[in-house]
């Protein structure tokens, strides 16, 4: 669990172009502590986790996606967030592909 949460923290930190030093400064945590969290050696206390969530400007569920029971809902949220980054024409194309896959699966289950 620790490793999965740390991996997500690193992922979102890097996506925002932040160094561990930047996150440490925003959260008032040490760089060493941020590193231990990202490597899965430590799990932050709730108050520190909230500081990290706020510094990264993400929903807490996104950092917990791999450990929550509601992971499909969280993964759908992550997917929606990734799709929002794409141009409208690319999103439309992806939606059409997904709809085709759903139709295919529905038709296959009829037989």
PDB file of N, CA and C in Angstrom:
ATOM      1  N   UNK A   1       0.821  -1.195   0.000  1.00  0.00           N
ATOM      2  CA  UNK A   1       0.000   0.000   0.000  1.00  0.00           C
ATOM      3  C   UNK A   1       0.863   1.257   0.000  1.00  0.00           C
ATOM      4  N   UNK A   2       1.891   1.278   0.853  1.00  0.00           N
ATOM      5  CA  UNK A   2       2.757   2.463   0.934  1.00  0.00           C
ATOM      6  C   UNK A   2       3.385   2.772  -0.417  1.00  0.00           C
ATOM      7  N   UNK A   3       3.850   1.704  -1.080  1.00  0.00           N
ATOM      8  CA  UNK A   3       4.516   1.891  -2.365  1.00  0.00           C
ATOM      9  C   UNK A   3       3.560   2.459  -3.405  1.00  0.00           C
ATOM     10  N   UNK A   4       2.325   1.971  -3.413  1.00  0.00           N
ATOM     11  CA  UNK A   4       1.349   2.427  -4.399  1.00  0.00           C
ATOM     12  C   UNK A   4       1.005   3.905  -4.205  1.00  0.00           C
ATOM     13  N   UNK A   5       0.823   4.318  -2.971  1.00  0.00           N
ATOM     14  CA  UNK A   5       0.511   5.723  -2.693  1.00  0.00           C
ATOM     15  C   UNK A   5       1.707   6.601  -3.049  1.00  0.00           C
ATOM     16  N   UNK A   6       2.884   6.172  -2.668  1.00  0.00           N
ATOM     17  CA  UNK A   6       4.091   6.929  -2.990  1.00  0.00           C
ATOM     18  C   UNK A   6       4.300   7.063  -4.485  1.00  0.00           C
ATOM     19  N   UNK A   7       4.005   5.987  -5.209  1.00  0.00           N
ATOM     20  CA  UNK A   7       4.128   5.997  -6.670  1.00  0.00           C
ATOM     21  C   UNK A   7       3.200   7.042  -7.287  1.00  0.00           C
ATOM     22  N   UNK A   8       1.985   7.114  -6.790  1.00  0.00           N
ATOM     23  CA  UNK A   8       1.024   8.105  -7.294  1.00  0.00           C
ATOM     24  C   UNK A   8       1.465   9.532  -6.962  1.00  0.00           C
ATOM     25  N   UNK A   9       1.977   9.718  -5.761  1.00  0.00           N
ATOM     26  CA  UNK A   9       2.460  11.046  -5.365  1.00  0.00           C
ATOM     27  C   UNK A   9       3.577  11.479  -6.317  1.00  0.00           C
ATOM     28  N   UNK A  10       4.519  10.582  -6.570  1.00  0.00           N
ATOM     29  CA  UNK A  10       5.608  10.889  -7.503  1.00  0.00           C
ATOM     30  C   UNK A  10       5.060  11.211  -8.888  1.00  0.00           C
ATOM     31  N   UNK A  11       4.111  10.395  -9.351  1.00  0.00           N
ATOM     32  CA  UNK A  11       3.525  10.592 -10.677  1.00  0.00           C
ATOM     33  C   UNK A  11       2.935  11.989 -10.816  1.00  0.00           C
ATOM     34  N   UNK A  12       2.097  12.386  -9.858  1.00  0.00           N
ATOM     35  CA  UNK A  12       1.451  13.695  -9.953  1.00  0.00           C
ATOM     36  C   UNK A  12       2.441  14.830  -9.724  1.00  0.00           C
ATOM     37  N   UNK A  13       3.437  14.620  -8.892  1.00  0.00           N
ATOM     38  CA  UNK A  13       4.472  15.643  -8.697  1.00  0.00           C
ATOM     39  C   UNK A  13       5.214  15.880 -10.005  1.00  0.00           C
ATOM     40  N   UNK A  14       5.622  14.800 -10.657  1.00  0.00           N
ATOM     41  CA  UNK A  14       6.365  14.914 -11.906  1.00  0.00           C
ATOM     42  C   UNK A  14       5.508  15.505 -13.022  1.00  0.00           C
ATOM     43  N   UNK A  15       4.223  15.127 -13.065  1.00  0.00           N
ATOM     44  CA  UNK A  15       3.327  15.690 -14.078  1.00  0.00           C
ATOM     45  C   UNK A  15       3.218  17.208 -13.948  1.00  0.00           C
ATOM     46  N   UNK A  16       3.372  17.698 -12.734  1.00  0.00           N
ATOM     47  CA  UNK A  16       3.284  19.136 -12.490  1.00  0.00           C
ATOM     48  C   UNK A  16       4.636  19.826 -12.636  1.00  0.00           C
ATOM     49  N   UNK A  17       5.636  19.055 -13.049  1.00  0.00           N
ATOM     50  CA  UNK A  17       6.964  19.612 -13.249  1.00  0.00           C
ATOM     51  C   UNK A  17       7.649  20.023 -11.953  1.00  0.00           C
ATOM     52  N   UNK A  18       7.260  19.375 -10.878  1.00  0.00           N
ATOM     53  CA  UNK A  18       7.824  19.704  -9.564  1.00  0.00           C
ATOM     54  C   UNK A  18       8.952  18.746  -9.214  1.00  0.00           C
ATOM     55  N   UNK A  19       9.937  19.276  -8.523  1.00  0.00           N
ATOM     56  CA  UNK A  19      10.995  18.449  -7.942  1.00  0.00           C
ATOM     57  C   UNK A  19      10.574  18.101  -6.522  1.00  0.00           C
ATOM     58  N   UNK A  20      11.240  17.125  -5.949  1.00  0.00           N
ATOM     59  CA  UNK A  20      10.945  16.787  -4.555  1.00  0.00           C
ATOM     60  C   UNK A  20      11.157  18.008  -3.658  1.00  0.00           C
ATOM     61  N   UNK A  21      12.136  18.825  -3.993  1.00  0.00           N
ATOM     62  CA  UNK A  21      12.410  20.032  -3.216  1.00  0.00           C
ATOM     63  C   UNK A  21      11.220  20.988  -3.237  1.00  0.00           C
ATOM     64  N   UNK A  22      10.578  21.098  -4.416  1.00  0.00           N
ATOM     65  CA  UNK A  22       9.408  21.978  -4.545  1.00  0.00           C
ATOM     66  C   UNK A  22       8.264  21.491  -3.672  1.00  0.00           C
ATOM     67  N   UNK A  23       8.003  20.187  -3.727  1.00  0.00           N
ATOM     68  CA  UNK A  23       6.928  19.619  -2.913  1.00  0.00           C
ATOM     69  C   UNK A  23       7.246  19.753  -1.428  1.00  0.00           C
ATOM     70  N   UNK A  24       8.496  19.529  -1.080  1.00  0.00           N
ATOM     71  CA  UNK A  24       8.912  19.661   0.320  1.00  0.00           C
ATOM     72  C   UNK A  24       8.674  21.092   0.820  1.00  0.00           C
ATOM     73  N   UNK A  25       9.035  22.050   0.004  1.00  0.00           N
ATOM     74  CA  UNK A  25       8.856  23.456   0.400  1.00  0.00           C
ATOM     75  C   UNK A  25       7.375  23.796   0.580  1.00  0.00           C
ATOM     76  N   UNK A  26       6.534  23.358  -0.362  1.00  0.00           N
ATOM     77  CA  UNK A  26       5.099  23.650  -0.286  1.00  0.00           C
ATOM     78  C   UNK A  26       4.428  22.984   0.906  1.00  0.00           C
ATOM     79  N   UNK A  27       4.925  21.824   1.295  1.00  0.00           N
ATOM     80  CA  UNK A  27       4.298  21.066   2.380  1.00  0.00           C
ATOM     81  C   UNK A  27       4.997  21.249   3.722  1.00  0.00           C
ATOM     82  N   UNK A  28       6.122  21.946   3.704  1.00  0.00           N
ATOM     83  CA  UNK A  28       6.933  22.131   4.918  1.00  0.00           C
ATOM     84  C   UNK A  28       7.422  20.783   5.470  1.00  0.00           C
ATOM     85  N   UNK A  29       7.701  19.854   4.539  1.00  0.00           N
ATOM     86  CA  UNK A  29       8.272  18.561   4.887  1.00  0.00           C
ATOM     87  C   UNK A  29       9.697  18.517   4.345  1.00  0.00           C
ATOM     88  N   UNK A  30      10.495  17.606   4.851  1.00  0.00           N
ATOM     89  CA  UNK A  30      11.865  17.504   4.356  1.00  0.00           C
ATOM     90  C   UNK A  30      11.887  16.746   3.027  1.00  0.00           C
ATOM     91  N   UNK A  31      12.901  17.035   2.231  1.00  0.00           N
ATOM     92  CA  UNK A  31      13.089  16.334   0.970  1.00  0.00           C
ATOM     93  C   UNK A  31      13.286  14.842   1.239  1.00  0.00           C
ATOM     94  N   UNK A  32      14.022  14.521   2.291  1.00  0.00           N
ATOM     95  CA  UNK A  32      14.247  13.118   2.644  1.00  0.00           C
ATOM     96  C   UNK A  32      12.923  12.413   2.937  1.00  0.00           C
ATOM     97  N   UNK A  33      12.029  13.092   3.647  1.00  0.00           N
ATOM     98  CA  UNK A  33      10.730  12.499   3.991  1.00  0.00           C
ATOM     99  C   UNK A  33       9.883  12.299   2.730  1.00  0.00           C
ATOM    100  N   UNK A  34       9.873  13.282   1.830  1.00  0.00           N
ATOM    101  CA  UNK A  34       9.149  13.144   0.561  1.00  0.00           C
ATOM    102  C   UNK A  34       9.703  11.934  -0.200  1.00  0.00           C
ATOM    103  N   UNK A  35      11.018  11.802  -0.227  1.00  0.00           N
ATOM    104  CA  UNK A  35      11.641  10.660  -0.903  1.00  0.00           C
ATOM    105  C   UNK A  35      11.226   9.335  -0.296  1.00  0.00           C
ATOM    106  N   UNK A  36      11.188   9.274   1.029  1.00  0.00           N
ATOM    107  CA  UNK A  36      10.771   8.032   1.698  1.00  0.00           C
ATOM    108  C   UNK A  36       9.323   7.692   1.374  1.00  0.00           C
ATOM    109  N   UNK A  37       8.462   8.701   1.312  1.00  0.00           N
ATOM    110  CA  UNK A  37       7.058   8.465   0.951  1.00  0.00           C
ATOM    111  C   UNK A  37       6.974   7.923  -0.472  1.00  0.00           C
ATOM    112  N   UNK A  38       7.667   8.574  -1.403  1.00  0.00           N
ATOM    113  CA  UNK A  38       7.608   8.165  -2.806  1.00  0.00           C
ATOM    114  C   UNK A  38       8.192   6.775  -3.038  1.00  0.00           C
ATOM    115  N   UNK A  39       9.162   6.390  -2.248  1.00  0.00           N
ATOM    116  CA  UNK A  39       9.749   5.046  -2.378  1.00  0.00           C
ATOM    117  C   UNK A  39       8.943   3.986  -1.630  1.00  0.00           C
ATOM    118  N   UNK A  40       7.914   4.407  -0.909  1.00  0.00           N
ATOM    119  CA  UNK A  40       7.081   3.466  -0.175  1.00  0.00           C
ATOM    120  C   UNK A  40       7.663   3.051   1.160  1.00  0.00           C
ATOM    121  N   UNK A  41       8.641   3.801   1.642  1.00  0.00           N
ATOM    122  CA  UNK A  41       9.241   3.483   2.933  1.00  0.00           C
ATOM    123  C   UNK A  41       8.448   4.061   4.093  1.00  0.00           C
ATOM    124  N   UNK A  42       7.705   5.095   3.825  1.00  0.00           N
ATOM    125  CA  UNK A  42       6.889   5.757   4.854  1.00  0.00           C
ATOM    126  C   UNK A  42       5.512   6.039   4.288  1.00  0.00           C
ATOM    127  N   UNK A  43       4.535   6.071   5.168  1.00  0.00           N
ATOM    128  CA  UNK A  43       3.176   6.455   4.820  1.00  0.00           C
ATOM    129  C   UNK A  43       2.878   7.722   5.616  1.00  0.00           C
ATOM    130  N   UNK A  44       2.520   8.815   4.933  1.00  0.00           N
ATOM    131  CA  UNK A  44       2.331  10.070   5.669  1.00  0.00           C
ATOM    132  C   UNK A  44       1.100  10.012   6.576  1.00  0.00           C
ATOM    133  N   UNK A  45       1.194  10.710   7.702  1.00  0.00           N
ATOM    134  CA  UNK A  45       0.023  10.875   8.571  1.00  0.00           C
ATOM    135  C   UNK A  45      -1.022  11.662   7.804  1.00  0.00           C
ATOM    136  N   UNK A  46      -2.245  11.601   8.271  1.00  0.00           N
ATOM    137  CA  UNK A  46      -3.346  12.244   7.568  1.00  0.00           C
ATOM    138  C   UNK A  46      -3.090  13.725   7.331  1.00  0.00           C
ATOM    139  N   UNK A  47      -2.624  14.458   8.337  1.00  0.00           N
ATOM    140  CA  UNK A  47      -2.403  15.896   8.153  1.00  0.00           C
ATOM    141  C   UNK A  47      -1.335  16.165   7.097  1.00  0.00           C
ATOM    142  N   UNK A  48      -0.302  15.336   7.049  1.00  0.00           N
ATOM    143  CA  UNK A  48       0.750  15.495   6.031  1.00  0.00           C
ATOM    144  C   UNK A  48       0.231  15.094   4.657  1.00  0.00           C
ATOM    145  N   UNK A  49      -0.604  14.047   4.616  1.00  0.00           N
ATOM    146  CA  UNK A  49      -1.208  13.620   3.354  1.00  0.00           C
ATOM    147  C   UNK A  49      -2.055  14.754   2.778  1.00  0.00           C
ATOM    148  N   UNK A  50      -2.815  15.419   3.630  1.00  0.00           N
ATOM    149  CA  UNK A  50      -3.645  16.543   3.180  1.00  0.00           C
ATOM    150  C   UNK A  50      -2.765  17.669   2.644  1.00  0.00           C
ATOM    151  N   UNK A  51      -1.645  17.939   3.299  1.00  0.00           N
ATOM    152  CA  UNK A  51      -0.704  18.950   2.806  1.00  0.00           C
ATOM    153  C   UNK A  51      -0.197  18.581   1.411  1.00  0.00           C
ATOM    154  N   UNK A  52       0.105  17.309   1.211  1.00  0.00           N
ATOM    155  CA  UNK A  52       0.597  16.840  -0.093  1.00  0.00           C
ATOM    156  C   UNK A  52      -0.494  16.980  -1.152  1.00  0.00           C
ATOM    157  N   UNK A  53      -1.715  16.560  -0.816  1.00  0.00           N
ATOM    158  CA  UNK A  53      -2.849  16.673  -1.736  1.00  0.00           C
ATOM    159  C   UNK A  53      -3.048  18.130  -2.158  1.00  0.00           C
ATOM    160  N   UNK A  54      -3.018  19.026  -1.198  1.00  0.00           N
ATOM    161  CA  UNK A  54      -3.208  20.443  -1.502  1.00  0.00           C
ATOM    162  C   UNK A  54      -2.070  21.005  -2.345  1.00  0.00           C
ATOM    163  N   UNK A  55      -0.845  20.602  -2.047  1.00  0.00           N
ATOM    164  CA  UNK A  55       0.305  21.091  -2.808  1.00  0.00           C
ATOM    165  C   UNK A  55       0.260  20.602  -4.252  1.00  0.00           C
ATOM    166  N   UNK A  56      -0.180  19.362  -4.447  1.00  0.00           N
ATOM    167  CA  UNK A  56      -0.262  18.796  -5.793  1.00  0.00           C
ATOM    168  C   UNK A  56      -1.540  19.205  -6.524  1.00  0.00           C
ATOM    169  N   UNK A  57      -2.479  19.758  -5.775  1.00  0.00           N
ATOM    170  CA  UNK A  57      -3.774  20.182  -6.335  1.00  0.00           C
ATOM    171  C   UNK A  57      -4.470  19.024  -7.049  1.00  0.00           C
ATOM    172  N   UNK A  58      -4.580  17.894  -6.325  1.00  0.00           N
ATOM    173  CA  UNK A  58      -5.283  16.719  -6.841  1.00  0.00           C
ATOM    174  C   UNK A  58      -6.339  16.286  -5.829  1.00  0.00           C
ATOM    175  N   UNK A  59      -7.267  15.497  -6.298  1.00  0.00           N
ATOM    176  CA  UNK A  59      -8.244  14.900  -5.392  1.00  0.00           C
ATOM    177  C   UNK A  59      -7.559  13.779  -4.624  1.00  0.00           C
ATOM    178  N   UNK A  60      -7.837  13.645  -3.331  1.00  0.00           N
ATOM    179  CA  UNK A  60      -7.188  12.594  -2.542  1.00  0.00           C
ATOM    180  C   UNK A  60      -7.374  11.205  -3.142  1.00  0.00           C
ATOM    181  N   UNK A  61      -8.537  10.947  -3.696  1.00  0.00           N
ATOM    182  CA  UNK A  61      -8.804   9.636  -4.281  1.00  0.00           C
ATOM    183  C   UNK A  61      -7.865   9.278  -5.415  1.00  0.00           C
ATOM    184  N   UNK A  62      -7.342  10.285  -6.104  1.00  0.00           N
ATOM    185  CA  UNK A  62      -6.409  10.011  -7.195  1.00  0.00           C
ATOM    186  C   UNK A  62      -5.099   9.441  -6.666  1.00  0.00           C
ATOM    187  N   UNK A  63      -4.679   9.903  -5.499  1.00  0.00           N
ATOM    188  CA  UNK A  63      -3.452   9.372  -4.904  1.00  0.00           C
ATOM    189  C   UNK A  63      -3.682   8.008  -4.268  1.00  0.00           C
ATOM    190  N   UNK A  64      -4.930   7.704  -3.949  1.00  0.00           N
ATOM    191  CA  UNK A  64      -5.270   6.440  -3.296  1.00  0.00           C
ATOM    192  C   UNK A  64      -5.880   5.428  -4.266  1.00  0.00           C
ATOM    193  N   UNK A  65      -5.848   5.727  -5.550  1.00  0.00           N
ATOM    194  CA  UNK A  65      -6.561   4.938  -6.561  1.00  0.00           C
ATOM    195  C   UNK A  65      -6.268   3.450  -6.509  1.00  0.00           C
ATOM    196  N   UNK A  66      -5.050   3.079  -6.211  1.00  0.00           N
ATOM    197  CA  UNK A  66      -4.686   1.660  -6.250  1.00  0.00           C
ATOM    198  C   UNK A  66      -4.983   0.915  -4.954  1.00  0.00           C
ATOM    199  N   UNK A  67      -5.417   1.638  -3.924  1.00  0.00           N
ATOM    200  CA  UNK A  67      -5.643   0.980  -2.637  1.00  0.00           C
ATOM    201  C   UNK A  67      -7.095   1.082  -2.157  1.00  0.00           C
ATOM    202  N   UNK A  68      -7.918   1.864  -2.838  1.00  0.00           N
ATOM    203  CA  UNK A  68      -9.314   2.019  -2.424  1.00  0.00           C
ATOM    204  C   UNK A  68     -10.180   0.884  -2.954  1.00  0.00           C
ATOM    205  N   UNK A  69     -11.190   0.526  -2.210  1.00  0.00           N
ATOM    206  CA  UNK A  69     -12.151  -0.479  -2.648  1.00  0.00           C
ATOM    207  C   UNK A  69     -12.922   0.039  -3.866  1.00  0.00           C
ATOM    208  N   UNK A  70     -13.123   1.347  -3.928  1.00  0.00           N
ATOM    209  CA  UNK A  70     -13.855   1.964  -5.033  1.00  0.00           C
ATOM    210  C   UNK A  70     -12.915   2.316  -6.188  1.00  0.00           C
ATOM    211  N   UNK A  71     -11.929   1.485  -6.412  1.00  0.00           N
ATOM    212  CA  UNK A  71     -10.884   1.808  -7.389  1.00  0.00           C
ATOM    213  C   UNK A  71     -11.425   2.025  -8.796  1.00  0.00           C
ATOM    214  N   UNK A  72     -12.501   1.347  -9.200  1.00  0.00           N
ATOM    215  CA  UNK A  72     -13.019   1.561 -10.547  1.00  0.00           C
ATOM    216  C   UNK A  72     -13.565   2.970 -10.700  1.00  0.00           C
ATOM    217  N   UNK A  73     -14.251   3.467  -9.674  1.00  0.00           N
ATOM    218  CA  UNK A  73     -14.746   4.838  -9.729  1.00  0.00           C
ATOM    219  C   UNK A  73     -13.588   5.823  -9.779  1.00  0.00           C
ATOM    220  N   UNK A  74     -12.568   5.558  -8.981  1.00  0.00           N
ATOM    221  CA  UNK A  74     -11.397   6.438  -8.961  1.00  0.00           C
ATOM    222  C   UNK A  74     -10.664   6.361 -10.293  1.00  0.00           C
ATOM    223  N   UNK A  75     -10.504   5.156 -10.821  1.00  0.00           N
ATOM    224  CA  UNK A  75      -9.822   5.028 -12.110  1.00  0.00           C
ATOM    225  C   UNK A  75     -10.615   5.704 -13.216  1.00  0.00           C
ATOM    226  N   UNK A  76     -11.944   5.664 -13.155  1.00  0.00           N
ATOM    227  CA  UNK A  76     -12.755   6.397 -14.120  1.00  0.00           C
ATOM    228  C   UNK A  76     -12.497   7.893 -13.997  1.00  0.00           C
ATOM    229  N   UNK A  77     -12.350   8.359 -12.775  1.00  0.00           N
ATOM    230  CA  UNK A  77     -12.052   9.770 -12.541  1.00  0.00           C
ATOM    231  C   UNK A  77     -10.682  10.129 -13.114  1.00  0.00           C
ATOM    232  N   UNK A  78      -9.707   9.247 -12.915  1.00  0.00           N
ATOM    233  CA  UNK A  78      -8.368   9.475 -13.455  1.00  0.00           C
ATOM    234  C   UNK A  78      -8.428   9.501 -14.981  1.00  0.00           C
ATOM    235  N   UNK A  79      -9.163   8.559 -15.557  1.00  0.00           N
ATOM    236  CA  UNK A  79      -9.302   8.507 -17.004  1.00  0.00           C
ATOM    237  C   UNK A  79      -9.952   9.784 -17.529  1.00  0.00           C
ATOM    238  N   UNK A  80     -10.999  10.246 -16.869  1.00  0.00           N
ATOM    239  CA  UNK A  80     -11.668  11.479 -17.286  1.00  0.00           C
ATOM    240  C   UNK A  80     -10.701  12.655 -17.228  1.00  0.00           C
ATOM    241  N   UNK A  81      -9.885  12.696 -16.198  1.00  0.00           N
ATOM    242  CA  UNK A  81      -8.907  13.780 -16.059  1.00  0.00           C
ATOM    243  C   UNK A  81      -7.886  13.727 -17.202  1.00  0.00           C
ATOM    244  N   UNK A  82      -7.450  12.534 -17.573  1.00  0.00           N
ATOM    245  CA  UNK A  82      -6.493  12.396 -18.668  1.00  0.00           C
ATOM    246  C   UNK A  82      -7.136  12.785 -19.998  1.00  0.00           C
ATOM    247  N   UNK A  83      -8.391  12.395 -20.193  1.00  0.00           N
ATOM    248  CA  UNK A  83      -9.087  12.738 -21.436  1.00  0.00           C
ATOM    249  C   UNK A  83      -9.263  14.251 -21.582  1.00  0.00           C
ATOM    250  N   UNK A  84      -9.459  14.933 -20.477  1.00  0.00           N
ATOM    251  CA  UNK A  84      -9.626  16.389 -20.514  1.00  0.00           C
ATOM    252  C   UNK A  84      -8.388  17.098 -21.044  1.00  0.00           C
ATOM    253  N   UNK A  85      -7.244  16.467 -20.947  1.00  0.00           N
ATOM    254  CA  UNK A  85      -5.994  17.067 -21.414  1.00  0.00           C
ATOM    255  C   UNK A  85      -5.881  17.030 -22.943  1.00  0.00           C
ATOM    256  N   UNK A  86      -6.712  16.172 -23.575  1.00  0.00           N
ATOM    257  CA  UNK A  86      -6.629  15.988 -25.023  1.00  0.00           C
ATOM    258  C   UNK A  86      -7.479  17.012 -25.766  1.00  0.00           C
ATOM    259  N   UNK A  87      -7.130  17.284 -27.013  1.00  0.00           N
ATOM    260  CA  UNK A  87      -7.980  18.150 -27.838  1.00  0.00           C
ATOM    261  C   UNK A  87      -9.333  17.478 -28.077  1.00  0.00           C
ATOM    262  N   UNK A  88     -10.327  18.276 -28.358  1.00  0.00           N
ATOM    263  CA  UNK A  88     -11.702  17.786 -28.531  1.00  0.00           C
ATOM    264  C   UNK A  88     -11.792  16.690 -29.595  1.00  0.00           C
ATOM    265  N   UNK A  89     -11.106  16.846 -30.724  1.00  0.00           N
ATOM    266  CA  UNK A  89     -11.193  15.836 -31.787  1.00  0.00           C
ATOM    267  C   UNK A  89     -10.609  14.499 -31.344  1.00  0.00           C
ATOM    268  N   UNK A  90      -9.561  14.530 -30.551  1.00  0.00           N
ATOM    269  CA  UNK A  90      -8.972  13.290 -30.042  1.00  0.00           C
ATOM    270  C   UNK A  90      -9.920  12.611 -29.066  1.00  0.00           C
ATOM    271  N   UNK A  91     -10.566  13.404 -28.192  1.00  0.00           N
ATOM    272  CA  UNK A  91     -11.552  12.832 -27.252  1.00  0.00           C
ATOM    273  C   UNK A  91     -12.707  12.201 -28.002  1.00  0.00           C
ATOM    274  N   UNK A  92     -13.199  12.882 -29.034  1.00  0.00           N
ATOM    275  CA  UNK A  92     -14.321  12.356 -29.812  1.00  0.00           C
ATOM    276  C   UNK A  92     -13.948  11.021 -30.447  1.00  0.00           C
ATOM    277  N   UNK A  93     -12.737  10.923 -30.952  1.00  0.00           N
ATOM    278  CA  UNK A  93     -12.261   9.680 -31.558  1.00  0.00           C
ATOM    279  C   UNK A  93     -12.221   8.562 -30.525  1.00  0.00           C
ATOM    280  N   UNK A  94     -11.700   8.856 -29.345  1.00  0.00           N
ATOM    281  CA  UNK A  94     -11.616   7.851 -28.281  1.00  0.00           C
ATOM    282  C   UNK A  94     -13.011   7.400 -27.859  1.00  0.00           C
ATOM    283  N   UNK A  95     -13.944   8.332 -27.734  1.00  0.00           N
ATOM    284  CA  UNK A  95     -15.314   7.974 -27.361  1.00  0.00           C
ATOM    285  C   UNK A  95     -15.938   7.048 -28.405  1.00  0.00           C
ATOM    286  N   UNK A  96     -15.686   7.312 -29.671  1.00  0.00           N
ATOM    287  CA  UNK A  96     -16.237   6.468 -30.732  1.00  0.00           C
ATOM    288  C   UNK A  96     -15.648   5.057 -30.660  1.00  0.00           C
ATOM    289  N   UNK A  97     -14.367   4.952 -30.387  1.00  0.00           N
ATOM    290  CA  UNK A  97     -13.728   3.643 -30.251  1.00  0.00           C
ATOM    291  C   UNK A  97     -14.330   2.881 -29.072  1.00  0.00           C
ATOM    292  N   UNK A  98     -14.503   3.562 -27.946  1.00  0.00           N
ATOM    293  CA  UNK A  98     -15.074   2.926 -26.757  1.00  0.00           C
ATOM    294  C   UNK A  98     -16.501   2.470 -27.037  1.00  0.00           C
ATOM    295  N   UNK A  99     -17.291   3.321 -27.692  1.00  0.00           N
ATOM    296  CA  UNK A  99     -18.670   2.939 -28.021  1.00  0.00           C
ATOM    297  C   UNK A  99     -18.688   1.707 -28.928  1.00  0.00           C
ATOM    298  N   UNK A 100     -17.774   1.631 -29.879  1.00  0.00           N
ATOM    299  CA  UNK A 100     -17.705   0.480 -30.777  1.00  0.00           C
ATOM    300  C   UNK A 100     -17.352  -0.786 -29.996  1.00  0.00           C
ATOM    301  N   UNK A 101     -16.437  -0.684 -29.056  1.00  0.00           N
ATOM    302  CA  UNK A 101     -16.068  -1.842 -28.233  1.00  0.00           C
ATOM    303  C   UNK A 101     -17.254  -2.300 -27.397  1.00  0.00           C
ATOM    304  N   UNK A 102     -17.987  -1.355 -26.809  1.00  0.00           N
ATOM    305  CA  UNK A 102     -19.158  -1.700 -25.997  1.00  0.00           C
ATOM    306  C   UNK A 102     -20.207  -2.394 -26.867  1.00  0.00           C
ATOM    307  N   UNK A 103     -20.471  -1.853 -28.054  1.00  0.00           N
ATOM    308  CA  UNK A 103     -21.448  -2.481 -28.960  1.00  0.00           C
ATOM    309  C   UNK A 103     -21.006  -3.904 -29.324  1.00  0.00           C
ATOM    310  N   UNK A 104     -19.724  -4.054 -29.619  1.00  0.00           N
ATOM    311  CA  UNK A 104     -19.191  -5.361 -29.960  1.00  0.00           C
ATOM    312  C   UNK A 104     -19.404  -6.357 -28.822  1.00  0.00           C
ATOM    313  N   UNK A 105     -19.065  -5.949 -27.603  1.00  0.00           N
ATOM    314  CA  UNK A 105     -19.225  -6.831 -26.439  1.00  0.00           C
ATOM    315  C   UNK A 105     -20.689  -7.163 -26.189  1.00  0.00           C
ATOM    316  N   UNK A 106     -21.572  -6.186 -26.367  1.00  0.00           N
ATOM    317  CA  UNK A 106     -22.996  -6.438 -26.173  1.00  0.00           C
ATOM    318  C   UNK A 106     -23.515  -7.425 -27.207  1.00  0.00           C
ATOM    319  N   UNK A 107     -23.122  -7.269 -28.447  1.00  0.00           N
ATOM    320  CA  UNK A 107     -23.553  -8.183 -29.509  1.00  0.00           C
ATOM    321  C   UNK A 107     -22.990  -9.577 -29.303  1.00  0.00           C
ATOM    322  N   UNK A 108     -21.771  -9.668 -28.811  1.00  0.00           N
ATOM    323  CA  UNK A 108     -21.147 -10.961 -28.580  1.00  0.00           C
ATOM    324  C   UNK A 108     -21.855 -11.710 -27.460  1.00  0.00           C
ATOM    325  N   UNK A 109     -22.357 -10.987 -26.458  1.00  0.00           N
ATOM    326  CA  UNK A 109     -23.069 -11.620 -25.347  1.00  0.00           C
ATOM    327  C   UNK A 109     -24.464 -12.083 -25.724  1.00  0.00           C
ATOM    328  N   UNK A 110     -24.983 -11.643 -26.870  1.00  0.00           N
ATOM    329  CA  UNK A 110     -26.316 -12.071 -27.307  1.00  0.00           C
ATOM    330  C   UNK A 110     -26.307 -13.510 -27.806  1.00  0.00           C
ATOM    331  N   UNK A 111     -25.159 -14.013 -28.203  1.00  0.00           N
ATOM    332  CA  UNK A 111     -25.096 -15.348 -28.797  1.00  0.00           C
ATOM    333  C   UNK A 111     -24.654 -16.390 -27.828  1.00  0.00           C
TER     334      UNK A 111
END
